[in-house]
Each structure stands twice: as structure tokens, then as C-alpha cells.
Amino acid sequence: MIYTVLKLEEDLDYGCEEKAEDQPVMAVVTLRSEAGEESAWKIPDRLLYEREIIQGDEVIFDENDQIQRLGHMRIQLNITGDTER
């Protein structure tokens, strides 16, 4: 399923505790599905930066449930000669 990134926010909700030193900084990503349904996901902020995911991007979740920017996936598929999904 393809989602559109509506909003990216730093996750500041750690309850009564502070964030543990070894815990990654998380972002709350609000997504809208093709059916128009909105959902919020907690995703490591570092992963979003590495994959250059920003507001307005189209994304999917791969077979390992990792978020991927759709435009980047299409480029990789075309380079390898695989058929787009």
C-alpha cells in the first residue's frame, strides 16, 4: 500500500521517564493511505534522514516493515532492470 507523509514530528512523549541514553530519537510520522485513512507511526528519526523522507513524500513499507520512499524505490528498480510493482 502507498502512503503519503502528512506530518513529521519529534516524539517527545516518554511518559514519566526521560529517554534512555541507548534509545534512538523517534519521530511520529502521520501517514494517509490510498483509501484516505490517517495513521501515526513511530519511526527512528535517523532512518527518515538516511532515506531522505520528508513531508509530502509517497512511502511504502517493505517486506521487513521498514519505511521506504517510493520515488527512491522506483529509481532502484529501474536501475536493476526489475519490473516496477
Protein backbone atom coordinates (compact mmCIF):
# COMPACT_ATOMS: atom_id res chain seq x y z
CA MET A 1 0.00 0.00 0.00
CA ILE A 2 1.22 3.51 -0.78
CA TYR A 3 1.06 6.22 1.89
CA THR A 4 1.56 9.98 1.74
CA VAL A 5 3.59 11.60 4.53
CA LEU A 6 1.38 14.30 6.04
CA LYS A 7 3.45 15.33 9.04
CA LEU A 8 6.80 14.57 10.74
CA GLU A 9 7.24 15.44 14.41
CA GLU A 10 9.83 14.53 17.01
CA ASP A 11 8.42 12.06 19.56
CA LEU A 12 8.64 13.86 22.87
CA ASP A 13 6.31 11.53 24.81
CA TYR A 14 8.43 9.44 27.17
CA GLY A 15 5.82 9.23 29.91
CA CYS A 16 7.14 9.88 33.42
CA GLU A 17 10.65 8.84 32.42
CA GLU A 18 13.29 10.58 30.34
CA LYS A 19 14.56 8.97 27.15
CA ALA A 20 17.17 6.31 27.91
CA GLU A 21 20.69 7.04 26.60
CA ASP A 22 20.64 3.99 24.31
CA GLN A 23 17.12 4.64 22.98
CA PRO A 24 17.05 6.18 19.47
CA VAL A 25 15.35 9.51 18.84
CA MET A 26 11.97 8.68 17.36
CA ALA A 27 9.68 10.66 15.08
CA VAL A 28 5.92 10.46 14.89
CA VAL A 29 5.03 10.18 11.21
CA THR A 30 1.43 10.84 10.21
CA LEU A 31 0.53 8.96 7.03
CA ARG A 32 -2.53 8.92 4.76
CA SER A 33 -3.30 5.68 2.90
CA GLU A 34 -4.63 5.45 -0.64
CA ALA A 35 -8.07 4.93 0.93
CA GLY A 36 -7.77 8.26 2.78
CA GLU A 37 -7.25 6.76 6.24
CA GLU A 38 -4.75 8.52 8.51
CA SER A 39 -2.43 6.74 10.94
CA ALA A 40 0.55 7.67 13.10
CA TRP A 41 3.74 5.60 13.24
CA LYS A 42 6.80 5.90 15.49
CA ILE A 43 9.88 5.58 13.30
CA PRO A 44 13.56 6.20 14.18
CA ASP A 45 14.39 9.77 13.17
CA ARG A 46 17.78 8.64 11.83
CA LEU A 47 16.06 6.29 9.37
CA LEU A 48 13.94 9.12 7.97
CA TYR A 49 17.06 11.25 7.41
CA GLU A 50 19.00 8.39 5.84
CA ARG A 51 16.16 7.69 3.41
CA GLU A 52 15.52 11.40 2.82
CA ILE A 53 11.83 11.08 3.70
CA ILE A 54 10.07 14.42 4.05
CA GLN A 55 6.53 15.75 4.26
CA GLY A 56 4.62 15.14 1.04
CA ASP A 57 6.63 12.06 0.00
CA GLU A 58 4.96 8.83 -1.03
CA VAL A 59 6.22 5.87 1.00
CA ILE A 60 5.68 2.14 1.36
CA PHE A 61 6.68 -0.43 3.95
CA ASP A 62 8.97 -3.12 2.54
CA GLU A 63 8.93 -6.85 3.30
CA ASN A 64 10.80 -6.13 6.57
CA ASP A 65 8.24 -3.47 7.60
CA GLN A 66 10.83 -0.75 7.01
CA ILE A 67 9.64 2.55 5.56
CA GLN A 68 10.93 3.35 2.06
CA ARG A 69 10.46 6.46 -0.04
CA LEU A 70 8.56 5.38 -3.15
CA GLY A 71 10.44 7.58 -5.62
CA HIS A 72 13.74 6.09 -4.40
CA MET A 73 12.37 2.55 -4.75
CA ARG A 74 11.28 3.21 -8.35
CA ILE A 75 14.74 4.51 -9.25
CA GLN A 76 16.41 1.41 -7.76
CA LEU A 77 14.02 -0.93 -9.58
CA ASN A 78 14.63 0.78 -12.91
CA ILE A 79 18.41 0.66 -12.50
CA THR A 80 18.39 -3.07 -11.79
CA GLY A 81 16.00 -3.72 -14.66
CA ASP A 82 13.32 -5.21 -12.43
CA THR A 83 9.69 -4.54 -13.19
CA GLU A 84 8.00 -1.87 -11.11
CA ARG A 85 5.35 -3.11 -8.70
